[in-house]
PDB file of all heavy atoms in Angstrom:
ATOM      1  N   ARG A   1      -0.633 -29.339   8.461  1.00  0.00           N
ATOM      2  CA  ARG A   1      -1.846 -28.324   8.887  1.00  0.00           C
ATOM      3  C   ARG A   1      -1.410 -27.082   9.061  1.00  0.00           C
ATOM      4  O   ARG A   1      -2.202 -26.120   8.498  1.00  0.00           O
ATOM      5  CB  ARG A   1      -2.363 -28.858  10.234  1.00  0.00           C
ATOM      6  CG  ARG A   1      -3.718 -28.305  10.682  1.00  0.00           C
ATOM      7  CD  ARG A   1      -4.288 -28.693  11.838  1.00  0.00           C
ATOM      8  NE  ARG A   1      -3.955 -29.934  12.254  1.00  0.00           N
ATOM      9  CZ  ARG A   1      -3.939 -30.428  13.527  1.00  0.00           C
ATOM     10  NH1 ARG A   1      -4.303 -29.810  14.412  1.00  0.00           N
ATOM     11  NH2 ARG A   1      -3.632 -31.699  13.843  1.00  0.00           N
ATOM     12  N   LEU A   2      -0.214 -26.762   9.554  1.00  0.00           N
ATOM     13  CA  LEU A   2       0.308 -25.259   9.677  1.00  0.00           C
ATOM     14  C   LEU A   2       0.529 -24.689   8.303  1.00  0.00           C
ATOM     15  O   LEU A   2       0.192 -23.544   8.009  1.00  0.00           O
ATOM     16  CB  LEU A   2       1.511 -25.248  10.426  1.00  0.00           C
ATOM     17  CG  LEU A   2       1.382 -25.329  12.027  1.00  0.00           C
ATOM     18  CD1 LEU A   2       2.864 -25.372  12.598  1.00  0.00           C
ATOM     19  CD2 LEU A   2       0.691 -24.063  12.464  1.00  0.00           C
ATOM     20  N   LEU A   3       0.931 -25.496   7.359  1.00  0.00           N
ATOM     21  CA  LEU A   3       1.382 -24.946   5.990  1.00  0.00           C
ATOM     22  C   LEU A   3       0.117 -24.747   5.295  1.00  0.00           C
ATOM     23  O   LEU A   3      -0.089 -23.779   4.619  1.00  0.00           O
ATOM     24  CB  LEU A   3       2.303 -26.147   5.322  1.00  0.00           C
ATOM     25  CG  LEU A   3       2.732 -25.623   3.939  1.00  0.00           C
ATOM     26  CD1 LEU A   3       3.599 -24.337   4.040  1.00  0.00           C
ATOM     27  CD2 LEU A   3       3.489 -26.832   3.367  1.00  0.00           C
ATOM     28  N   LEU A   4      -0.898 -25.591   5.372  1.00  0.00           N
ATOM     29  CA  LEU A   4      -2.115 -25.452   4.719  1.00  0.00           C
ATOM     30  C   LEU A   4      -2.960 -24.291   5.226  1.00  0.00           C
ATOM     31  O   LEU A   4      -3.589 -23.616   4.455  1.00  0.00           O
ATOM     32  CB  LEU A   4      -2.915 -26.693   4.753  1.00  0.00           C
ATOM     33  CG  LEU A   4      -2.513 -27.885   3.855  1.00  0.00           C
ATOM     34  CD1 LEU A   4      -3.320 -29.186   4.033  1.00  0.00           C
ATOM     35  CD2 LEU A   4      -2.428 -27.607   2.363  1.00  0.00           C
ATOM     36  N   LEU A   5      -2.904 -24.080   6.503  1.00  0.00           N
ATOM     37  CA  LEU A   5      -3.550 -23.073   7.160  1.00  0.00           C
ATOM     38  C   LEU A   5      -2.957 -21.763   6.659  1.00  0.00           C
ATOM     39  O   LEU A   5      -3.562 -20.810   6.414  1.00  0.00           O
ATOM     40  CB  LEU A   5      -3.579 -23.178   8.673  1.00  0.00           C
ATOM     41  CG  LEU A   5      -4.222 -22.064   9.416  1.00  0.00           C
ATOM     42  CD1 LEU A   5      -5.801 -22.150   9.198  1.00  0.00           C
ATOM     43  CD2 LEU A   5      -3.969 -22.147  10.958  1.00  0.00           C
ATOM     44  N   SER A   6      -1.591 -21.554   6.642  1.00  0.00           N
ATOM     45  CA  SER A   6      -0.925 -20.455   6.123  1.00  0.00           C
ATOM     46  C   SER A   6      -1.226 -20.140   4.707  1.00  0.00           C
ATOM     47  O   SER A   6      -1.494 -18.992   4.411  1.00  0.00           O
ATOM     48  CB  SER A   6       0.603 -20.688   6.275  1.00  0.00           C
ATOM     49  OG  SER A   6       1.346 -19.570   5.757  1.00  0.00           O
ATOM     50  N   LEU A   7      -1.211 -21.143   3.817  1.00  0.00           N
ATOM     51  CA  LEU A   7      -1.531 -20.863   2.390  1.00  0.00           C
ATOM     52  C   LEU A   7      -2.990 -20.614   2.222  1.00  0.00           C
ATOM     53  O   LEU A   7      -3.267 -19.600   1.414  1.00  0.00           O
ATOM     54  CB  LEU A   7      -1.196 -22.169   1.625  1.00  0.00           C
ATOM     55  CG  LEU A   7       0.324 -22.395   1.537  1.00  0.00           C
ATOM     56  CD1 LEU A   7       0.607 -23.807   0.743  1.00  0.00           C
ATOM     57  CD2 LEU A   7       1.091 -21.426   0.807  1.00  0.00           C
ATOM     58  N   GLY A   8      -3.840 -21.242   2.928  1.00  0.00           N
ATOM     59  CA  GLY A   8      -5.342 -20.924   2.793  1.00  0.00           C
ATOM     60  C   GLY A   8      -5.569 -19.452   3.256  1.00  0.00           C
ATOM     61  O   GLY A   8      -6.374 -18.855   2.582  1.00  0.00           O
ATOM     62  N   SER A   9      -5.057 -19.077   4.309  1.00  0.00           N
ATOM     63  CA  SER A   9      -5.356 -17.743   4.879  1.00  0.00           C
ATOM     64  C   SER A   9      -4.749 -16.709   3.862  1.00  0.00           C
ATOM     65  O   SER A   9      -5.253 -15.611   3.659  1.00  0.00           O
ATOM     66  CB  SER A   9      -5.046 -17.615   6.286  1.00  0.00           C
ATOM     67  OG  SER A   9      -3.599 -17.785   6.280  1.00  0.00           O
ATOM     68  N   GLY A  10      -3.520 -17.009   3.451  1.00  0.00           N
ATOM     69  CA  GLY A  10      -2.919 -16.021   2.496  1.00  0.00           C
ATOM     70  C   GLY A  10      -3.664 -15.919   1.146  1.00  0.00           C
ATOM     71  O   GLY A  10      -3.875 -14.845   0.692  1.00  0.00           O
ATOM     72  N   LEU A  11      -4.162 -17.034   0.622  1.00  0.00           N
ATOM     73  CA  LEU A  11      -5.103 -16.996  -0.586  1.00  0.00           C
ATOM     74  C   LEU A  11      -6.302 -16.261  -0.283  1.00  0.00           C
ATOM     75  O   LEU A  11      -6.847 -15.550  -1.153  1.00  0.00           O
ATOM     76  CB  LEU A  11      -5.281 -18.394  -1.104  1.00  0.00           C
ATOM     77  CG  LEU A  11      -4.105 -18.999  -1.812  1.00  0.00           C
ATOM     78  CD1 LEU A  11      -4.404 -20.437  -2.270  1.00  0.00           C
ATOM     79  CD2 LEU A  11      -3.651 -18.224  -2.970  1.00  0.00           C
ATOM     80  N   THR A  12      -6.894 -16.492   0.774  1.00  0.00           N
ATOM     81  CA  THR A  12      -8.157 -15.863   1.178  1.00  0.00           C
ATOM     82  C   THR A  12      -8.013 -14.262   1.364  1.00  0.00           C
ATOM     83  O   THR A  12      -8.775 -13.485   0.747  1.00  0.00           O
ATOM     84  CB  THR A  12      -8.830 -16.450   2.483  1.00  0.00           C
ATOM     85  OG1 THR A  12      -8.970 -17.778   2.288  1.00  0.00           O
ATOM     86  CG2 THR A  12     -10.103 -15.721   2.755  1.00  0.00           C
ATOM     87  N   LEU A  13      -6.832 -13.946   1.983  1.00  0.00           N
ATOM     88  CA  LEU A  13      -6.567 -12.504   2.052  1.00  0.00           C
ATOM     89  C   LEU A  13      -6.281 -11.809   0.712  1.00  0.00           C
ATOM     90  O   LEU A  13      -6.589 -10.649   0.398  1.00  0.00           O
ATOM     91  CB  LEU A  13      -5.432 -12.234   2.963  1.00  0.00           C
ATOM     92  CG  LEU A  13      -5.755 -12.401   4.497  1.00  0.00           C
ATOM     93  CD1 LEU A  13      -4.538 -12.371   5.354  1.00  0.00           C
ATOM     94  CD2 LEU A  13      -6.752 -11.348   4.902  1.00  0.00           C
ATOM     95  N   LEU A  14      -5.582 -12.586  -0.150  1.00  0.00           N
ATOM     96  CA  LEU A  14      -5.310 -12.063  -1.425  1.00  0.00           C
ATOM     97  C   LEU A  14      -6.572 -11.884  -2.296  1.00  0.00           C
ATOM     98  O   LEU A  14      -6.672 -10.878  -2.986  1.00  0.00           O
ATOM     99  CB  LEU A  14      -4.336 -13.047  -2.152  1.00  0.00           C
ATOM    100  CG  LEU A  14      -3.833 -12.621  -3.533  1.00  0.00           C
ATOM    101  CD1 LEU A  14      -3.042 -11.332  -3.442  1.00  0.00           C
ATOM    102  CD2 LEU A  14      -3.013 -13.811  -4.196  1.00  0.00           C
ATOM    103  N   LEU A  15      -7.514 -12.813  -2.228  1.00  0.00           N
ATOM    104  CA  LEU A  15      -8.798 -12.715  -2.944  1.00  0.00           C
ATOM    105  C   LEU A  15      -9.552 -11.431  -2.386  1.00  0.00           C
ATOM    106  O   LEU A  15     -10.009 -10.659  -3.310  1.00  0.00           O
ATOM    107  CB  LEU A  15      -9.572 -13.912  -2.682  1.00  0.00           C
ATOM    108  CG  LEU A  15     -11.009 -13.863  -3.319  1.00  0.00           C
ATOM    109  CD1 LEU A  15     -10.885 -14.002  -4.789  1.00  0.00           C
ATOM    110  CD2 LEU A  15     -11.841 -14.974  -2.791  1.00  0.00           C
ATOM    111  N   VAL A  16      -9.667 -11.295  -1.132  1.00  0.00           N
ATOM    112  CA  VAL A  16     -10.368 -10.146  -0.598  1.00  0.00           C
ATOM    113  C   VAL A  16      -9.549  -8.873  -1.030  1.00  0.00           C
ATOM    114  O   VAL A  16     -10.162  -7.760  -1.274  1.00  0.00           O
ATOM    115  CB  VAL A  16     -10.361 -10.131   0.895  1.00  0.00           C
ATOM    116  CG1 VAL A  16     -10.938  -8.953   1.550  1.00  0.00           C
ATOM    117  CG2 VAL A  16     -11.340 -11.379   1.298  1.00  0.00           C
ATOM    118  N   LEU A  17      -8.205  -8.809  -1.049  1.00  0.00           N
ATOM    119  CA  LEU A  17      -7.454  -7.689  -1.401  1.00  0.00           C
ATOM    120  C   LEU A  17      -7.675  -7.364  -2.871  1.00  0.00           C
ATOM    121  O   LEU A  17      -7.863  -6.163  -3.218  1.00  0.00           O
ATOM    122  CB  LEU A  17      -6.043  -7.939  -1.213  1.00  0.00           C
ATOM    123  CG  LEU A  17      -5.092  -6.831  -1.611  1.00  0.00           C
ATOM    124  CD1 LEU A  17      -5.123  -5.647  -0.708  1.00  0.00           C
ATOM    125  CD2 LEU A  17      -3.558  -7.356  -1.528  1.00  0.00           C
ATOM    126  N   CYS A  18      -7.674  -8.403  -3.756  1.00  0.00           N
ATOM    127  CA  CYS A  18      -7.986  -7.996  -5.255  1.00  0.00           C
ATOM    128  C   CYS A  18      -9.438  -7.497  -5.360  1.00  0.00           C
ATOM    129  O   CYS A  18      -9.603  -6.709  -6.230  1.00  0.00           O
ATOM    130  CB  CYS A  18      -7.780  -9.365  -6.005  1.00  0.00           C
ATOM    131  SG  CYS A  18      -5.912  -9.826  -6.158  1.00  0.00           S
ATOM    132  N   LEU A  19     -10.334  -8.021  -4.663  1.00  0.00           N
ATOM    133  CA  LEU A  19     -11.756  -7.534  -4.843  1.00  0.00           C
ATOM    134  C   LEU A  19     -11.829  -6.058  -4.317  1.00  0.00           C
ATOM    135  O   LEU A  19     -12.509  -5.339  -4.943  1.00  0.00           O
ATOM    136  CB  LEU A  19     -12.651  -8.437  -4.082  1.00  0.00           C
ATOM    137  CG  LEU A  19     -12.982  -9.794  -4.629  1.00  0.00           C
ATOM    138  CD1 LEU A  19     -13.816 -10.643  -3.826  1.00  0.00           C
ATOM    139  CD2 LEU A  19     -13.510  -9.639  -6.104  1.00  0.00           C
ATOM    140  N   GLY A  20     -11.154  -5.779  -3.226  1.00  0.00           N
ATOM    141  CA  GLY A  20     -11.221  -4.444  -2.791  1.00  0.00           C
ATOM    142  C   GLY A  20     -10.370  -3.360  -3.429  1.00  0.00           C
ATOM    143  O   GLY A  20     -10.810  -2.153  -3.292  1.00  0.00           O
ATOM    144  N   ALA A  21      -9.465  -3.707  -4.187  1.00  0.00           N
ATOM    145  CA  ALA A  21      -8.581  -2.893  -4.840  1.00  0.00           C
ATOM    146  C   ALA A  21      -9.025  -2.505  -6.360  1.00  0.00           C
ATOM    147  O   ALA A  21      -8.453  -1.776  -7.103  1.00  0.00           O
ATOM    148  CB  ALA A  21      -7.023  -3.439  -5.032  1.00  0.00           C
ATOM    149  N   GLN A  22     -10.303  -2.913  -6.695  1.00  0.00           N
ATOM    150  CA  GLN A  22     -10.859  -2.732  -8.074  1.00  0.00           C
ATOM    151  C   GLN A  22     -11.102  -1.252  -8.230  1.00  0.00           C
ATOM    152  O   GLN A  22     -10.934  -0.712  -9.408  1.00  0.00           O
ATOM    153  CB  GLN A  22     -12.116  -3.454  -8.147  1.00  0.00           C
ATOM    154  CG  GLN A  22     -11.824  -4.879  -8.259  1.00  0.00           C
ATOM    155  CD  GLN A  22     -11.103  -5.390  -9.432  1.00  0.00           C
ATOM    156  OE1 GLN A  22     -11.289  -4.895 -10.485  1.00  0.00           O
ATOM    157  NE2 GLN A  22     -10.087  -6.328  -9.225  1.00  0.00           N
ATOM    158  N   ASN A  23     -11.637  -0.510  -7.268  1.00  0.00           N
ATOM    159  CA  ASN A  23     -12.093   0.843  -7.518  1.00  0.00           C
ATOM    160  C   ASN A  23     -11.206   2.039  -7.046  1.00  0.00           C
ATOM    161  O   ASN A  23     -11.677   3.095  -6.897  1.00  0.00           O
ATOM    162  CB  ASN A  23     -13.518   1.022  -6.943  1.00  0.00           C
ATOM    163  CG  ASN A  23     -14.574   0.037  -7.628  1.00  0.00           C
ATOM    164  OD1 ASN A  23     -14.416  -0.153  -8.787  1.00  0.00           O
ATOM    165  ND2 ASN A  23     -15.456  -0.483  -6.791  1.00  0.00           N
ATOM    166  N   LEU A  24     -10.064   1.538  -6.654  1.00  0.00           N
ATOM    167  CA  LEU A  24      -9.045   2.728  -6.288  1.00  0.00           C
ATOM    168  C   LEU A  24      -8.499   3.446  -7.364  1.00  0.00           C
ATOM    169  O   LEU A  24      -7.885   2.810  -8.399  1.00  0.00           O
ATOM    170  CB  LEU A  24      -8.070   2.116  -5.370  1.00  0.00           C
ATOM    171  CG  LEU A  24      -8.475   1.259  -4.221  1.00  0.00           C
ATOM    172  CD1 LEU A  24      -7.417   0.701  -3.438  1.00  0.00           C
ATOM    173  CD2 LEU A  24      -9.108   2.237  -3.178  1.00  0.00           C
ATOM    174  N   ASN A  25      -8.505   4.748  -7.361  1.00  0.00           N
ATOM    175  CA  ASN A  25      -8.071   5.596  -8.486  1.00  0.00           C
ATOM    176  C   ASN A  25      -6.541   6.032  -8.359  1.00  0.00           C
ATOM    177  O   ASN A  25      -5.946   6.307  -9.285  1.00  0.00           O
ATOM    178  CB  ASN A  25      -8.981   6.895  -8.523  1.00  0.00           C
ATOM    179  CG  ASN A  25     -10.445   6.348  -9.026  1.00  0.00           C
ATOM    180  OD1 ASN A  25     -10.491   5.451  -9.731  1.00  0.00           O
ATOM    181  ND2 ASN A  25     -11.435   7.053  -8.518  1.00  0.00           N
ATOM    182  N   ASP A  26      -6.108   6.208  -7.158  1.00  0.00           N
ATOM    183  CA  ASP A  26      -4.659   6.703  -6.808  1.00  0.00           C
ATOM    184  C   ASP A  26      -3.738   5.583  -7.081  1.00  0.00           C
ATOM    185  O   ASP A  26      -3.602   4.686  -6.309  1.00  0.00           O
ATOM    186  CB  ASP A  26      -4.598   7.266  -5.469  1.00  0.00           C
ATOM    187  CG  ASP A  26      -3.305   7.925  -5.334  1.00  0.00           C
ATOM    188  OD1 ASP A  26      -2.751   8.373  -6.220  1.00  0.00           O
ATOM    189  OD2 ASP A  26      -3.016   8.082  -4.036  1.00  0.00           O
ATOM    190  N   ARG A  27      -3.082   5.634  -8.211  1.00  0.00           N
ATOM    191  CA  ARG A  27      -2.071   4.458  -8.591  1.00  0.00           C
ATOM    192  C   ARG A  27      -0.644   4.867  -8.585  1.00  0.00           C
ATOM    193  O   ARG A  27      -0.429   6.086  -9.111  1.00  0.00           O
ATOM    194  CB  ARG A  27      -2.499   3.880  -9.855  1.00  0.00           C
ATOM    195  CG  ARG A  27      -3.931   3.344  -9.830  1.00  0.00           C
ATOM    196  CD  ARG A  27      -4.351   2.690 -11.178  1.00  0.00           C
ATOM    197  NE  ARG A  27      -5.693   2.167 -11.074  1.00  0.00           N
ATOM    198  CZ  ARG A  27      -6.093   1.029 -10.714  1.00  0.00           C
ATOM    199  NH1 ARG A  27      -5.175   0.154 -10.489  1.00  0.00           N
ATOM    200  NH2 ARG A  27      -7.409   0.781 -10.769  1.00  0.00           N
ATOM    201  N   HIS A  28       0.229   4.160  -8.109  1.00  0.00           N
ATOM    202  CA  HIS A  28       1.737   4.430  -8.079  1.00  0.00           C
ATOM    203  C   HIS A  28       2.433   3.255  -8.751  1.00  0.00           C
ATOM    204  O   HIS A  28       1.978   2.178  -8.943  1.00  0.00           O
ATOM    205  CB  HIS A  28       2.109   4.511  -6.595  1.00  0.00           C
ATOM    206  CG  HIS A  28       1.359   5.574  -5.863  1.00  0.00           C
ATOM    207  ND1 HIS A  28       1.523   6.842  -6.027  1.00  0.00           N
ATOM    208  CD2 HIS A  28       0.385   5.506  -5.017  1.00  0.00           C
ATOM    209  CE1 HIS A  28       0.828   7.594  -5.140  1.00  0.00           C
ATOM    210  NE2 HIS A  28       0.114   6.710  -4.547  1.00  0.00           N
ATOM    211  N   ARG A  29       3.631   3.776  -9.221  1.00  0.00           N
ATOM    212  CA  ARG A  29       4.537   2.829  -9.996  1.00  0.00           C
ATOM    213  C   ARG A  29       5.719   2.493  -8.986  1.00  0.00           C
ATOM    214  O   ARG A  29       6.059   3.406  -8.224  1.00  0.00           O
ATOM    215  CB  ARG A  29       5.174   3.403 -11.323  1.00  0.00           C
ATOM    216  CG  ARG A  29       4.129   3.569 -12.267  1.00  0.00           C
ATOM    217  CD  ARG A  29       4.863   4.004 -13.569  1.00  0.00           C
ATOM    218  NE  ARG A  29       3.982   4.114 -14.594  1.00  0.00           N
ATOM    219  CZ  ARG A  29       3.672   3.316 -15.567  1.00  0.00           C
ATOM    220  NH1 ARG A  29       4.297   2.098 -15.550  1.00  0.00           N
ATOM    221  NH2 ARG A  29       2.837   3.514 -16.532  1.00  0.00           N
ATOM    222  N   LEU A  30       6.156   1.298  -8.825  1.00  0.00           N
ATOM    223  CA  LEU A  30       7.335   0.857  -8.135  1.00  0.00           C
ATOM    224  C   LEU A  30       8.558   0.891  -8.941  1.00  0.00           C
ATOM    225  O   LEU A  30       8.475   0.326  -9.945  1.00  0.00           O
ATOM    226  CB  LEU A  30       7.060  -0.593  -7.597  1.00  0.00           C
ATOM    227  CG  LEU A  30       5.985  -0.829  -6.581  1.00  0.00           C
ATOM    228  CD1 LEU A  30       5.828  -2.365  -6.108  1.00  0.00           C
ATOM    229  CD2 LEU A  30       6.148   0.097  -5.323  1.00  0.00           C
ATOM    230  N   ASN A  31       9.524   1.397  -8.432  1.00  0.00           N
ATOM    231  CA  ASN A  31      10.784   1.539  -9.064  1.00  0.00           C
ATOM    232  C   ASN A  31      11.557   0.132  -8.752  1.00  0.00           C
ATOM    233  O   ASN A  31      11.984   0.045  -7.511  1.00  0.00           O
ATOM    234  CB  ASN A  31      11.631   2.750  -8.738  1.00  0.00           C
ATOM    235  CG  ASN A  31      12.887   2.874  -9.527  1.00  0.00           C
ATOM    236  OD1 ASN A  31      13.075   2.199 -10.459  1.00  0.00           O
ATOM    237  ND2 ASN A  31      13.653   3.935  -9.082  1.00  0.00           N
ATOM    238  N   LEU A  32      11.830  -0.645  -9.744  1.00  0.00           N
ATOM    239  CA  LEU A  32      12.407  -1.897  -9.366  1.00  0.00           C
ATOM    240  C   LEU A  32      13.854  -2.078  -9.711  1.00  0.00           C
ATOM    241  O   LEU A  32      14.557  -3.086  -9.482  1.00  0.00           O
ATOM    242  CB  LEU A  32      11.703  -3.080 -10.251  1.00  0.00           C
ATOM    243  CG  LEU A  32      10.115  -3.136  -9.965  1.00  0.00           C
ATOM    244  CD1 LEU A  32       9.582  -4.192 -10.892  1.00  0.00           C
ATOM    245  CD2 LEU A  32       9.855  -3.550  -8.526  1.00  0.00           C
ATOM    246  N   GLY A  33      14.470  -0.879  -9.984  1.00  0.00           N
ATOM    247  CA  GLY A  33      15.886  -0.830 -10.310  1.00  0.00           C
ATOM    248  C   GLY A  33      16.155  -1.088 -11.737  1.00  0.00           C
ATOM    249  O   GLY A  33      16.890  -0.278 -12.319  1.00  0.00           O
ATOM    250  N   VAL A  34      15.658  -2.071 -12.448  1.00  0.00           N
ATOM    251  CA  VAL A  34      15.829  -2.312 -13.879  1.00  0.00           C
ATOM    252  C   VAL A  34      14.701  -1.594 -14.579  1.00  0.00           C
ATOM    253  O   VAL A  34      14.850  -1.323 -15.818  1.00  0.00           O
ATOM    254  CB  VAL A  34      15.792  -3.767 -14.099  1.00  0.00           C
ATOM    255  CG1 VAL A  34      16.854  -4.110 -15.187  1.00  0.00           C
ATOM    256  CG2 VAL A  34      15.897  -4.594 -12.868  1.00  0.00           C
ATOM    257  N   GLY A  35      13.558  -1.431 -14.020  1.00  0.00           N
ATOM    258  CA  GLY A  35      12.431  -0.783 -14.671  1.00  0.00           C
ATOM    259  C   GLY A  35      11.425  -0.379 -13.664  1.00  0.00           C
ATOM    260  O   GLY A  35      11.736  -0.362 -12.545  1.00  0.00           O
ATOM    261  N   GLN A  36      10.144  -0.243 -14.121  1.00  0.00           N
ATOM    262  CA  GLN A  36       9.008   0.090 -13.311  1.00  0.00           C
ATOM    263  C   GLN A  36       7.939  -0.969 -13.472  1.00  0.00           C
ATOM    264  O   GLN A  36       7.697  -1.517 -14.449  1.00  0.00           O
ATOM    265  CB  GLN A  36       8.616   1.625 -13.584  1.00  0.00           C
ATOM    266  CG  GLN A  36       9.518   2.586 -13.203  1.00  0.00           C
ATOM    267  CD  GLN A  36       8.924   4.046 -13.495  1.00  0.00           C
ATOM    268  OE1 GLN A  36       8.055   4.088 -14.275  1.00  0.00           O
ATOM    269  NE2 GLN A  36       9.504   5.029 -12.845  1.00  0.00           N
ATOM    270  N   SER A  37       7.211  -0.948 -12.335  1.00  0.00           N
ATOM    271  CA  SER A  37       6.019  -1.903 -12.356  1.00  0.00           C
ATOM    272  C   SER A  37       4.841  -1.271 -13.033  1.00  0.00           C
ATOM    273  O   SER A  37       4.903  -0.030 -13.446  1.00  0.00           O
ATOM    274  CB  SER A  37       5.647  -2.273 -11.030  1.00  0.00           C
ATOM    275  OG  SER A  37       5.091  -1.237 -10.309  1.00  0.00           O
ATOM    276  N   ALA A  38       3.850  -1.963 -13.191  1.00  0.00           N
ATOM    277  CA  ALA A  38       2.545  -1.330 -13.738  1.00  0.00           C
ATOM    278  C   ALA A  38       1.916  -0.515 -12.555  1.00  0.00           C
ATOM    279  O   ALA A  38       2.261  -0.667 -11.441  1.00  0.00           O
ATOM    280  CB  ALA A  38       1.488  -2.476 -14.034  1.00  0.00           C
ATOM    281  N   PRO A  39       1.149   0.492 -13.028  1.00  0.00           N
ATOM    282  CA  PRO A  39       0.533   1.387 -11.892  1.00  0.00           C
ATOM    283  C   PRO A  39      -0.354   0.644 -11.097  1.00  0.00           C
ATOM    284  O   PRO A  39      -1.347  -0.055 -11.487  1.00  0.00           O
ATOM    285  CB  PRO A  39      -0.172   2.435 -12.683  1.00  0.00           C
ATOM    286  CG  PRO A  39      -0.161   2.143 -14.192  1.00  0.00           C
ATOM    287  CD  PRO A  39       0.893   1.024 -14.267  1.00  0.00           C
ATOM    288  N   LEU A  40      -0.044   0.492  -9.806  1.00  0.00           N
ATOM    289  CA  LEU A  40      -0.936  -0.144  -8.748  1.00  0.00           C
ATOM    290  C   LEU A  40      -1.350   0.699  -7.731  1.00  0.00           C
ATOM    291  O   LEU A  40      -0.590   1.655  -7.212  1.00  0.00           O
ATOM    292  CB  LEU A  40      -0.045  -1.335  -8.180  1.00  0.00           C
ATOM    293  CG  LEU A  40       0.443  -2.381  -9.100  1.00  0.00           C
ATOM    294  CD1 LEU A  40       1.536  -3.307  -8.468  1.00  0.00           C
ATOM    295  CD2 LEU A  40      -0.640  -3.129  -9.613  1.00  0.00           C
ATOM    296  N   PRO A  41      -2.563   0.516  -7.105  1.00  0.00           N
ATOM    297  CA  PRO A  41      -3.076   1.271  -5.925  1.00  0.00           C
ATOM    298  C   PRO A  41      -2.092   1.002  -4.726  1.00  0.00           C
ATOM    299  O   PRO A  41      -1.487  -0.138  -4.579  1.00  0.00           O
ATOM    300  CB  PRO A  41      -4.386   0.583  -5.660  1.00  0.00           C
ATOM    301  CG  PRO A  41      -4.899  -0.017  -6.872  1.00  0.00           C
ATOM    302  CD  PRO A  41      -3.623  -0.488  -7.529  1.00  0.00           C
TER     303      PRO A  41
END
């Protein structure tokens, strides 16, 4: 029950986060050491 609650709340927050990040214009790249990530808000 703890594991399913944790995964369920994480997936719900991730869904809300992806929906909310659609219209953000200020995007940054992460320096990963070997390369850079895609531009993300």
